[in-house]
Amino acid sequence: MLIIKYDTEQEAELIKKEKTSQGYTLVEIANITEGNFLGFDDTPIQPPNNPQPTSLEKRLEEMQSTIDLLLLKQEGLI
């Protein structure tokens, strides 16, 4: 876990933006007597190798195929 101390809310926001853009995940915010701390999971998120299309994506692909077929029929190509 990566722990970063901050003093102001503006500084915390900058740290959050920087670390999340680097692939870290904010998992803890601690405001304790010793100070304010942000805790990040230091294992960057790895995207899946072959993401499966969602049902919405599948439906959009089916609709596009249907539209393509209709256009080909309209043009007399099939």
PDB file of N, CA and C in Angstrom:
ATOM      1  N   MET A   1       0.843  -1.169   0.000  1.00  0.00           N
ATOM      2  CA  MET A   1       0.000   0.000   0.000  1.00  0.00           C
ATOM      3  C   MET A   1       0.894   1.240   0.000  1.00  0.00           C
ATOM      4  N   LEU A   2       0.492   2.223  -0.755  1.00  0.00           N
ATOM      5  CA  LEU A   2       1.200   3.491  -0.843  1.00  0.00           C
ATOM      6  C   LEU A   2       0.456   4.505   0.017  1.00  0.00           C
ATOM      7  N   ILE A   3       1.132   5.066   1.029  1.00  0.00           N
ATOM      8  CA  ILE A   3       0.532   6.037   1.940  1.00  0.00           C
ATOM      9  C   ILE A   3       1.185   7.396   1.688  1.00  0.00           C
ATOM     10  N   ILE A   4       0.351   8.427   1.481  1.00  0.00           N
ATOM     11  CA  ILE A   4       0.864   9.770   1.225  1.00  0.00           C
ATOM     12  C   ILE A   4       0.206  10.738   2.199  1.00  0.00           C
ATOM     13  N   LYS A   5       1.040  11.534   2.871  1.00  0.00           N
ATOM     14  CA  LYS A   5       0.542  12.541   3.805  1.00  0.00           C
ATOM     15  C   LYS A   5       0.244  13.825   3.033  1.00  0.00           C
ATOM     16  N   TYR A   6      -0.847  14.495   3.410  1.00  0.00           N
ATOM     17  CA  TYR A   6      -1.193  15.769   2.786  1.00  0.00           C
ATOM     18  C   TYR A   6      -1.627  16.760   3.861  1.00  0.00           C
ATOM     19  N   ASP A   7      -1.568  18.060   3.512  1.00  0.00           N
ATOM     20  CA  ASP A   7      -1.922  19.101   4.465  1.00  0.00           C
ATOM     21  C   ASP A   7      -3.251  19.766   4.145  1.00  0.00           C
ATOM     22  N   THR A   8      -3.513  20.048   2.866  1.00  0.00           N
ATOM     23  CA  THR A   8      -4.742  20.762   2.495  1.00  0.00           C
ATOM     24  C   THR A   8      -5.606  19.893   1.593  1.00  0.00           C
ATOM     25  N   GLU A   9      -6.882  20.239   1.505  1.00  0.00           N
ATOM     26  CA  GLU A   9      -7.793  19.508   0.623  1.00  0.00           C
ATOM     27  C   GLU A   9      -7.373  19.666  -0.843  1.00  0.00           C
ATOM     28  N   GLN A  10      -6.859  20.838  -1.212  1.00  0.00           N
ATOM     29  CA  GLN A  10      -6.393  21.048  -2.586  1.00  0.00           C
ATOM     30  C   GLN A  10      -5.226  20.110  -2.902  1.00  0.00           C
ATOM     31  N   GLU A  11      -4.317  19.970  -1.943  1.00  0.00           N
ATOM     32  CA  GLU A  11      -3.193  19.057  -2.127  1.00  0.00           C
ATOM     33  C   GLU A  11      -3.687  17.617  -2.258  1.00  0.00           C
ATOM     34  N   ALA A  12      -4.697  17.248  -1.457  1.00  0.00           N
ATOM     35  CA  ALA A  12      -5.258  15.896  -1.522  1.00  0.00           C
ATOM     36  C   ALA A  12      -5.856  15.632  -2.895  1.00  0.00           C
ATOM     37  N   GLU A  13      -6.590  16.605  -3.442  1.00  0.00           N
ATOM     38  CA  GLU A  13      -7.199  16.438  -4.766  1.00  0.00           C
ATOM     39  C   GLU A  13      -6.138  16.255  -5.842  1.00  0.00           C
ATOM     40  N   LEU A  14      -5.045  17.025  -5.769  1.00  0.00           N
ATOM     41  CA  LEU A  14      -3.960  16.878  -6.743  1.00  0.00           C
ATOM     42  C   LEU A  14      -3.321  15.493  -6.652  1.00  0.00           C
ATOM     43  N   ILE A  15      -3.102  15.030  -5.437  1.00  0.00           N
ATOM     44  CA  ILE A  15      -2.499  13.705  -5.241  1.00  0.00           C
ATOM     45  C   ILE A  15      -3.432  12.625  -5.788  1.00  0.00           C
ATOM     46  N   LYS A  16      -4.735  12.735  -5.495  1.00  0.00           N
ATOM     47  CA  LYS A  16      -5.702  11.751  -5.991  1.00  0.00           C
ATOM     48  C   LYS A  16      -5.688  11.689  -7.513  1.00  0.00           C
ATOM     49  N   LYS A  17      -5.726  12.864  -8.169  1.00  0.00           N
ATOM     50  CA  LYS A  17      -5.726  12.890  -9.632  1.00  0.00           C
ATOM     51  C   LYS A  17      -4.453  12.279 -10.199  1.00  0.00           C
ATOM     52  N   GLU A  18      -3.317  12.644  -9.619  1.00  0.00           N
ATOM     53  CA  GLU A  18      -2.037  12.138 -10.120  1.00  0.00           C
ATOM     54  C   GLU A  18      -1.936  10.622  -9.973  1.00  0.00           C
ATOM     55  N   LYS A  19      -2.275  10.122  -8.795  1.00  0.00           N
ATOM     56  CA  LYS A  19      -2.116   8.690  -8.546  1.00  0.00           C
ATOM     57  C   LYS A  19      -3.147   7.850  -9.298  1.00  0.00           C
ATOM     58  N   THR A  20      -4.385   8.322  -9.406  1.00  0.00           N
ATOM     59  CA  THR A  20      -5.373   7.542 -10.162  1.00  0.00           C
ATOM     60  C   THR A  20      -5.031   7.525 -11.644  1.00  0.00           C
ATOM     61  N   SER A  21      -4.438   8.616 -12.149  1.00  0.00           N
ATOM     62  CA  SER A  21      -4.032   8.614 -13.561  1.00  0.00           C
ATOM     63  C   SER A  21      -2.866   7.654 -13.806  1.00  0.00           C
ATOM     64  N   GLN A  22      -2.136   7.317 -12.753  1.00  0.00           N
ATOM     65  CA  GLN A  22      -1.035   6.355 -12.852  1.00  0.00           C
ATOM     66  C   GLN A  22      -1.514   4.921 -12.646  1.00  0.00           C
ATOM     67  N   GLY A  23      -2.819   4.732 -12.419  1.00  0.00           N
ATOM     68  CA  GLY A  23      -3.371   3.397 -12.283  1.00  0.00           C
ATOM     69  C   GLY A  23      -3.559   2.930 -10.847  1.00  0.00           C
ATOM     70  N   TYR A  24      -3.288   3.801  -9.880  1.00  0.00           N
ATOM     71  CA  TYR A  24      -3.483   3.439  -8.481  1.00  0.00           C
ATOM     72  C   TYR A  24      -4.941   3.647  -8.083  1.00  0.00           C
ATOM     73  N   THR A  25      -5.382   2.897  -7.084  1.00  0.00           N
ATOM     74  CA  THR A  25      -6.751   2.984  -6.602  1.00  0.00           C
ATOM     75  C   THR A  25      -6.744   3.521  -5.175  1.00  0.00           C
ATOM     76  N   LEU A  26      -7.492   4.596  -4.938  1.00  0.00           N
ATOM     77  CA  LEU A  26      -7.612   5.146  -3.591  1.00  0.00           C
ATOM     78  C   LEU A  26      -8.443   4.184  -2.752  1.00  0.00           C
ATOM     79  N   VAL A  27      -7.867   3.711  -1.644  1.00  0.00           N
ATOM     80  CA  VAL A  27      -8.579   2.750  -0.812  1.00  0.00           C
ATOM     81  C   VAL A  27      -8.812   3.251   0.609  1.00  0.00           C
ATOM     82  N   GLU A  28      -8.140   4.353   0.992  1.00  0.00           N
ATOM     83  CA  GLU A  28      -8.295   4.816   2.366  1.00  0.00           C
ATOM     84  C   GLU A  28      -7.981   6.296   2.477  1.00  0.00           C
ATOM     85  N   ILE A  29      -8.792   6.989   3.288  1.00  0.00           N
ATOM     86  CA  ILE A  29      -8.526   8.374   3.671  1.00  0.00           C
ATOM     87  C   ILE A  29      -8.537   8.390   5.184  1.00  0.00           C
ATOM     88  N   ALA A  30      -7.428   8.844   5.786  1.00  0.00           N
ATOM     89  CA  ALA A  30      -7.338   8.863   7.241  1.00  0.00           C
ATOM     90  C   ALA A  30      -6.979  10.266   7.707  1.00  0.00           C
ATOM     91  N   ASN A  31      -7.822  10.828   8.560  1.00  0.00           N
ATOM     92  CA  ASN A  31      -7.555  12.118   9.184  1.00  0.00           C
ATOM     93  C   ASN A  31      -7.412  11.835  10.675  1.00  0.00           C
ATOM     94  N   ILE A  32      -6.162  11.686  11.113  1.00  0.00           N
ATOM     95  CA  ILE A  32      -5.896  11.309  12.495  1.00  0.00           C
ATOM     96  C   ILE A  32      -5.008  12.355  13.150  1.00  0.00           C
ATOM     97  N   THR A  33      -4.730  12.179  14.416  1.00  0.00           N
ATOM     98  CA  THR A  33      -3.934  13.152  15.175  1.00  0.00           C
ATOM     99  C   THR A  33      -2.573  13.404  14.523  1.00  0.00           C
ATOM    100  N   GLU A  34      -1.987  12.370  13.967  1.00  0.00           N
ATOM    101  CA  GLU A  34      -0.654  12.497  13.367  1.00  0.00           C
ATOM    102  C   GLU A  34      -0.667  13.220  12.022  1.00  0.00           C
ATOM    103  N   GLY A  35      -1.855  13.381  11.422  1.00  0.00           N
ATOM    104  CA  GLY A  35      -1.954  14.080  10.141  1.00  0.00           C
ATOM    105  C   GLY A  35      -3.025  13.478   9.255  1.00  0.00           C
ATOM    106  N   ASN A  36      -3.080  13.978   8.030  1.00  0.00           N
ATOM    107  CA  ASN A  36      -4.037  13.515   7.023  1.00  0.00           C
ATOM    108  C   ASN A  36      -3.294  12.637   6.023  1.00  0.00           C
ATOM    109  N   PHE A  37      -3.891  11.485   5.721  1.00  0.00           N
ATOM    110  CA  PHE A  37      -3.214  10.525   4.855  1.00  0.00           C
ATOM    111  C   PHE A  37      -4.165   9.959   3.810  1.00  0.00           C
ATOM    112  N   LEU A  38      -3.610   9.686   2.632  1.00  0.00           N
ATOM    113  CA  LEU A  38      -4.324   8.989   1.567  1.00  0.00           C
ATOM    114  C   LEU A  38      -3.628   7.651   1.371  1.00  0.00           C
ATOM    115  N   GLY A  39      -4.408   6.583   1.301  1.00  0.00           N
ATOM    116  CA  GLY A  39      -3.845   5.260   1.071  1.00  0.00           C
ATOM    117  C   GLY A  39      -4.267   4.738  -0.291  1.00  0.00           C
ATOM    118  N   PHE A  40      -3.293   4.325  -1.079  1.00  0.00           N
ATOM    119  CA  PHE A  40      -3.551   3.823  -2.429  1.00  0.00           C
ATOM    120  C   PHE A  40      -3.096   2.375  -2.535  1.00  0.00           C
ATOM    121  N   ASP A  41      -3.883   1.570  -3.237  1.00  0.00           N
ATOM    122  CA  ASP A  41      -3.450   0.226  -3.594  1.00  0.00           C
ATOM    123  C   ASP A  41      -2.376   0.407  -4.649  1.00  0.00           C
ATOM    124  N   ASP A  42      -1.177  -0.106  -4.372  1.00  0.00           N
ATOM    125  CA  ASP A  42      -0.059   0.129  -5.295  1.00  0.00           C
ATOM    126  C   ASP A  42       0.077  -0.929  -6.374  1.00  0.00           C
ATOM    127  N   THR A  43      -0.975  -1.714  -6.566  1.00  0.00           N
ATOM    128  CA  THR A  43      -1.002  -2.659  -7.673  1.00  0.00           C
ATOM    129  C   THR A  43      -1.862  -2.050  -8.768  1.00  0.00           C
ATOM    130  N   PRO A  44      -1.240  -1.545  -9.842  1.00  0.00           N
ATOM    131  CA  PRO A  44      -2.051  -0.935 -10.902  1.00  0.00           C
ATOM    132  C   PRO A  44      -3.052  -1.915 -11.482  1.00  0.00           C
ATOM    133  N   ILE A  45      -4.211  -1.409 -11.829  1.00  0.00           N
ATOM    134  CA  ILE A  45      -5.272  -2.223 -12.410  1.00  0.00           C
ATOM    135  C   ILE A  45      -4.862  -2.654 -13.816  1.00  0.00           C
ATOM    136  N   GLN A  46      -4.950  -3.943 -14.078  1.00  0.00           N
ATOM    137  CA  GLN A  46      -4.620  -4.481 -15.387  1.00  0.00           C
ATOM    138  C   GLN A  46      -5.912  -4.758 -16.151  1.00  0.00           C
ATOM    139  N   PRO A  47      -6.071  -4.171 -17.331  1.00  0.00           N
ATOM    140  CA  PRO A  47      -7.274  -4.477 -18.102  1.00  0.00           C
ATOM    141  C   PRO A  47      -7.243  -5.928 -18.579  1.00  0.00           C
ATOM    142  N   PRO A  48      -8.411  -6.565 -18.723  1.00  0.00           N
ATOM    143  CA  PRO A  48      -8.433  -7.948 -19.204  1.00  0.00           C
ATOM    144  C   PRO A  48      -7.902  -8.032 -20.629  1.00  0.00           C
ATOM    145  N   ASN A  49      -7.310  -9.191 -20.949  1.00  0.00           N
ATOM    146  CA  ASN A  49      -6.722  -9.369 -22.279  1.00  0.00           C
ATOM    147  C   ASN A  49      -7.766  -9.337 -23.386  1.00  0.00           C
ATOM    148  N   ASN A  50      -8.841 -10.067 -23.211  1.00  0.00           N
ATOM    149  CA  ASN A  50      -9.900 -10.117 -24.208  1.00  0.00           C
ATOM    150  C   ASN A  50     -11.234  -9.798 -23.549  1.00  0.00           C
ATOM    151  N   PRO A  51     -11.520  -8.522 -23.375  1.00  0.00           N
ATOM    152  CA  PRO A  51     -12.794  -8.206 -22.716  1.00  0.00           C
ATOM    153  C   PRO A  51     -13.971  -8.676 -23.556  1.00  0.00           C
ATOM    154  N   GLN A  52     -14.941  -9.287 -22.900  1.00  0.00           N
ATOM    155  CA  GLN A  52     -16.132  -9.760 -23.589  1.00  0.00           C
ATOM    156  C   GLN A  52     -17.088  -8.592 -23.789  1.00  0.00           C
ATOM    157  N   PRO A  53     -17.677  -8.489 -24.965  1.00  0.00           N
ATOM    158  CA  PRO A  53     -18.628  -7.397 -25.189  1.00  0.00           C
ATOM    159  C   PRO A  53     -19.843  -7.547 -24.284  1.00  0.00           C
ATOM    160  N   THR A  54     -20.360  -6.424 -23.855  1.00  0.00           N
ATOM    161  CA  THR A  54     -21.553  -6.453 -23.009  1.00  0.00           C
ATOM    162  C   THR A  54     -22.765  -6.761 -23.876  1.00  0.00           C
ATOM    163  N   SER A  55     -23.874  -7.032 -23.231  1.00  0.00           N
ATOM    164  CA  SER A  55     -25.084  -7.337 -23.987  1.00  0.00           C
ATOM    165  C   SER A  55     -25.497  -6.132 -24.835  1.00  0.00           C
ATOM    166  N   LEU A  56     -25.265  -4.931 -24.330  1.00  0.00           N
ATOM    167  CA  LEU A  56     -25.578  -3.736 -25.108  1.00  0.00           C
ATOM    168  C   LEU A  56     -24.699  -3.650 -26.355  1.00  0.00           C
ATOM    169  N   GLU A  57     -23.406  -3.930 -26.195  1.00  0.00           N
ATOM    170  CA  GLU A  57     -22.508  -3.914 -27.352  1.00  0.00           C
ATOM    171  C   GLU A  57     -22.914  -4.970 -28.375  1.00  0.00           C
ATOM    172  N   LYS A  58     -23.289  -6.153 -27.887  1.00  0.00           N
ATOM    173  CA  LYS A  58     -23.740  -7.214 -28.804  1.00  0.00           C
ATOM    174  C   LYS A  58     -24.982  -6.765 -29.560  1.00  0.00           C
ATOM    175  N   ARG A  59     -25.912  -6.159 -28.861  1.00  0.00           N
ATOM    176  CA  ARG A  59     -27.159  -5.695 -29.490  1.00  0.00           C
ATOM    177  C   ARG A  59     -26.865  -4.629 -30.536  1.00  0.00           C
ATOM    178  N   LEU A  60     -25.946  -3.711 -30.234  1.00  0.00           N
ATOM    179  CA  LEU A  60     -25.576  -2.678 -31.206  1.00  0.00           C
ATOM    180  C   LEU A  60     -24.936  -3.285 -32.449  1.00  0.00           C
ATOM    181  N   GLU A  61     -24.100  -4.308 -32.244  1.00  0.00           N
ATOM    182  CA  GLU A  61     -23.492  -4.987 -33.394  1.00  0.00           C
ATOM    183  C   GLU A  61     -24.562  -5.656 -34.257  1.00  0.00           C
ATOM    184  N   GLU A  62     -25.543  -6.295 -33.619  1.00  0.00           N
ATOM    185  CA  GLU A  62     -26.631  -6.938 -34.364  1.00  0.00           C
ATOM    186  C   GLU A  62     -27.429  -5.902 -35.150  1.00  0.00           C
ATOM    187  N   MET A  63     -27.702  -4.769 -34.527  1.00  0.00           N
ATOM    188  CA  MET A  63     -28.458  -3.717 -35.209  1.00  0.00           C
ATOM    189  C   MET A  63     -27.675  -3.180 -36.408  1.00  0.00           C
ATOM    190  N   GLN A  64     -26.352  -3.000 -36.236  1.00  0.00           N
ATOM    191  CA  GLN A  64     -25.531  -2.501 -37.331  1.00  0.00           C
ATOM    192  C   GLN A  64     -25.516  -3.495 -38.485  1.00  0.00           C
ATOM    193  N   SER A  65     -25.446  -4.785 -38.186  1.00  0.00           N
ATOM    194  CA  SER A  65     -25.474  -5.799 -39.235  1.00  0.00           C
ATOM    195  C   SER A  65     -26.794  -5.774 -39.994  1.00  0.00           C
ATOM    196  N   THR A  66     -27.888  -5.612 -39.263  1.00  0.00           N
ATOM    197  CA  THR A  66     -29.213  -5.538 -39.891  1.00  0.00           C
ATOM    198  C   THR A  66     -29.305  -4.317 -40.796  1.00  0.00           C
ATOM    199  N   ILE A  67     -28.822  -3.191 -40.330  1.00  0.00           N
ATOM    200  CA  ILE A  67     -28.846  -1.962 -41.134  1.00  0.00           C
ATOM    201  C   ILE A  67     -28.005  -2.143 -42.393  1.00  0.00           C
ATOM    202  N   ASP A  68     -26.827  -2.755 -42.245  1.00  0.00           N
ATOM    203  CA  ASP A  68     -25.960  -2.992 -43.407  1.00  0.00           C
ATOM    204  C   ASP A  68     -26.663  -3.867 -44.447  1.00  0.00           C
ATOM    205  N   LEU A  69     -27.341  -4.932 -43.988  1.00  0.00           N
ATOM    206  CA  LEU A  69     -28.078  -5.808 -44.903  1.00  0.00           C
ATOM    207  C   LEU A  69     -29.189  -5.063 -45.618  1.00  0.00           C
ATOM    208  N   LEU A  70     -29.932  -4.238 -44.887  1.00  0.00           N
ATOM    209  CA  LEU A  70     -31.017  -3.472 -45.501  1.00  0.00           C
ATOM    210  C   LEU A  70     -30.499  -2.517 -46.563  1.00  0.00           C
ATOM    211  N   LEU A  71     -29.358  -1.884 -46.272  1.00  0.00           N
ATOM    212  CA  LEU A  71     -28.773  -0.962 -47.251  1.00  0.00           C
ATOM    213  C   LEU A  71     -28.311  -1.703 -48.502  1.00  0.00           C
ATOM    214  N   LEU A  72     -27.710  -2.866 -48.317  1.00  0.00           N
ATOM    215  CA  LEU A  72     -27.282  -3.657 -49.465  1.00  0.00           C
ATOM    216  C   LEU A  72     -28.478  -4.100 -50.314  1.00  0.00           C
ATOM    217  N   LYS A  73     -29.576  -4.504 -49.650  1.00  0.00           N
ATOM    218  CA  LYS A  73     -30.785  -4.894 -50.381  1.00  0.00           C
ATOM    219  C   LYS A  73     -31.369  -3.700 -51.117  1.00  0.00           C
ATOM    220  N   GLN A  74     -31.375  -2.552 -50.496  1.00  0.00           N
ATOM    221  CA  GLN A  74     -31.923  -1.348 -51.114  1.00  0.00           C
ATOM    222  C   GLN A  74     -31.142  -0.979 -52.365  1.00  0.00           C
ATOM    223  N   GLU A  75     -29.852  -1.177 -52.334  1.00  0.00           N
ATOM    224  CA  GLU A  75     -29.000  -0.847 -53.474  1.00  0.00           C
ATOM    225  C   GLU A  75     -29.017  -1.951 -54.524  1.00  0.00           C
ATOM    226  N   GLY A  76     -29.681  -3.055 -54.212  1.00  0.00           N
ATOM    227  CA  GLY A  76     -29.772  -4.152 -55.169  1.00  0.00           C
ATOM    228  C   GLY A  76     -28.494  -4.975 -55.262  1.00  0.00           C
ATOM    229  N   LEU A  77     -27.686  -4.910 -54.271  1.00  0.00           N
ATOM    230  CA  LEU A  77     -26.425  -5.648 -54.291  1.00  0.00           C
ATOM    231  C   LEU A  77     -26.565  -7.069 -53.774  1.00  0.00           C
ATOM    232  N   ILE A  78     -27.696  -7.336 -53.094  1.00  0.00           N
ATOM    233  CA  ILE A  78     -27.928  -8.727 -52.669  1.00  0.00           C
ATOM    234  C   ILE A  78     -29.393  -9.070 -52.925  1.00  0.00           C
TER     235      ILE A  78
END
